[in-house]
Amino acid sequence: MTVAGKGERRRYYCANAKEKGASVCTGMPGVKEPAAAEAMLSG
Protein backbone atom coordinates (compact mmCIF):
# COMPACT_ATOMS: atom_id res chain seq x y z
CA MET A 1 0.00 0.00 0.00
CA THR A 2 1.07 3.56 -0.64
CA VAL A 3 -0.40 6.93 0.40
CA ALA A 4 -1.01 9.75 -2.04
CA GLY A 5 -2.57 13.18 -1.74
CA LYS A 6 -2.56 15.96 0.84
CA GLY A 7 -4.76 16.81 3.79
CA GLU A 8 -8.26 15.37 3.59
CA ARG A 9 -7.53 14.05 0.08
CA ARG A 10 -4.94 11.53 1.32
CA ARG A 11 -5.81 7.97 0.27
CA TYR A 12 -4.22 4.55 0.44
CA TYR A 13 -3.75 2.84 -2.92
CA CYS A 14 -2.32 -0.41 -4.17
CA ALA A 15 1.36 0.43 -4.75
CA ASN A 16 1.52 -1.81 -7.83
CA ALA A 17 -1.47 -0.07 -9.43
CA LYS A 18 0.06 3.34 -8.70
CA GLU A 19 3.49 2.41 -10.10
CA LYS A 20 2.70 -0.19 -12.78
CA GLY A 21 -0.87 0.56 -13.83
CA ALA A 22 -4.32 -0.84 -13.32
CA SER A 23 -3.55 -3.99 -15.33
CA VAL A 24 -1.40 -5.19 -12.40
CA CYS A 25 -3.80 -4.37 -9.56
CA THR A 26 -7.45 -3.72 -10.37
CA GLY A 27 -10.48 -2.79 -8.33
CA MET A 28 -8.98 -0.50 -5.69
CA PRO A 29 -9.96 3.13 -6.23
CA GLY A 30 -8.30 4.26 -3.02
CA VAL A 31 -9.30 4.29 0.64
CA LYS A 32 -9.48 7.56 2.55
CA GLU A 33 -6.77 7.73 5.20
CA PRO A 34 -9.16 8.06 8.20
CA ALA A 35 -11.20 5.04 7.05
CA ALA A 36 -8.06 2.96 6.50
CA ALA A 37 -6.67 3.92 9.92
CA GLU A 38 -9.95 3.03 11.64
CA ALA A 39 -10.09 -0.35 9.90
CA MET A 40 -6.48 -1.18 10.76
CA LEU A 41 -6.63 -0.04 14.36
CA SER A 42 -10.00 -1.56 15.22
CA GLY A 43 -8.94 -5.09 14.16
C-alpha atoms as a PDB file:
ATOM      1  CA  MET A   1       0.000   0.000   0.000  1.00  0.00           C
ATOM      2  CA  THR A   2       1.066   3.563  -0.639  1.00  0.00           C
ATOM      3  CA  VAL A   3      -0.396   6.926   0.404  1.00  0.00           C
ATOM      4  CA  ALA A   4      -1.009   9.752  -2.041  1.00  0.00           C
ATOM      5  CA  GLY A   5      -2.569  13.183  -1.744  1.00  0.00           C
ATOM      6  CA  LYS A   6      -2.557  15.956   0.837  1.00  0.00           C
ATOM      7  CA  GLY A   7      -4.758  16.810   3.790  1.00  0.00           C
ATOM      8  CA  GLU A   8      -8.265  15.368   3.588  1.00  0.00           C
ATOM      9  CA  ARG A   9      -7.533  14.054   0.083  1.00  0.00           C
ATOM     10  CA  ARG A  10      -4.940  11.525   1.316  1.00  0.00           C
ATOM     11  CA  ARG A  11      -5.813   7.972   0.272  1.00  0.00           C
ATOM     12  CA  TYR A  12      -4.221   4.547   0.443  1.00  0.00           C
ATOM     13  CA  TYR A  13      -3.746   2.843  -2.917  1.00  0.00           C
ATOM     14  CA  CYS A  14      -2.318  -0.413  -4.169  1.00  0.00           C
ATOM     15  CA  ALA A  15       1.364   0.429  -4.751  1.00  0.00           C
ATOM     16  CA  ASN A  16       1.517  -1.807  -7.827  1.00  0.00           C
ATOM     17  CA  ALA A  17      -1.471  -0.067  -9.433  1.00  0.00           C
ATOM     18  CA  LYS A  18       0.058   3.337  -8.703  1.00  0.00           C
ATOM     19  CA  GLU A  19       3.488   2.412 -10.098  1.00  0.00           C
ATOM     20  CA  LYS A  20       2.695  -0.193 -12.780  1.00  0.00           C
ATOM     21  CA  GLY A  21      -0.867   0.565 -13.830  1.00  0.00           C
ATOM     22  CA  ALA A  22      -4.321  -0.845 -13.322  1.00  0.00           C
ATOM     23  CA  SER A  23      -3.545  -3.991 -15.335  1.00  0.00           C
ATOM     24  CA  VAL A  24      -1.396  -5.190 -12.405  1.00  0.00           C
ATOM     25  CA  CYS A  25      -3.798  -4.367  -9.565  1.00  0.00           C
ATOM     26  CA  THR A  26      -7.452  -3.717 -10.370  1.00  0.00           C
ATOM     27  CA  GLY A  27     -10.483  -2.795  -8.327  1.00  0.00           C
ATOM     28  CA  MET A  28      -8.984  -0.501  -5.694  1.00  0.00           C
ATOM     29  CA  PRO A  29      -9.956   3.133  -6.235  1.00  0.00           C
ATOM     30  CA  GLY A  30      -8.299   4.258  -3.016  1.00  0.00           C
ATOM     31  CA  VAL A  31      -9.300   4.287   0.636  1.00  0.00           C
ATOM     32  CA  LYS A  32      -9.475   7.556   2.546  1.00  0.00           C
ATOM     33  CA  GLU A  33      -6.772   7.735   5.200  1.00  0.00           C
ATOM     34  CA  PRO A  34      -9.160   8.060   8.201  1.00  0.00           C
ATOM     35  CA  ALA A  35     -11.201   5.035   7.051  1.00  0.00           C
ATOM     36  CA  ALA A  36      -8.055   2.960   6.504  1.00  0.00           C
ATOM     37  CA  ALA A  37      -6.666   3.917   9.921  1.00  0.00           C
ATOM     38  CA  GLU A  38      -9.950   3.033  11.643  1.00  0.00           C
ATOM     39  CA  ALA A  39     -10.094  -0.348   9.896  1.00  0.00           C
ATOM     40  CA  MET A  40      -6.478  -1.182  10.759  1.00  0.00           C
ATOM     41  CA  LEU A  41      -6.628  -0.039  14.364  1.00  0.00           C
ATOM     42  CA  SER A  42     -10.005  -1.562  15.224  1.00  0.00           C
ATOM     43  CA  GLY A  43      -8.941  -5.085  14.164  1.00  0.00           C
END
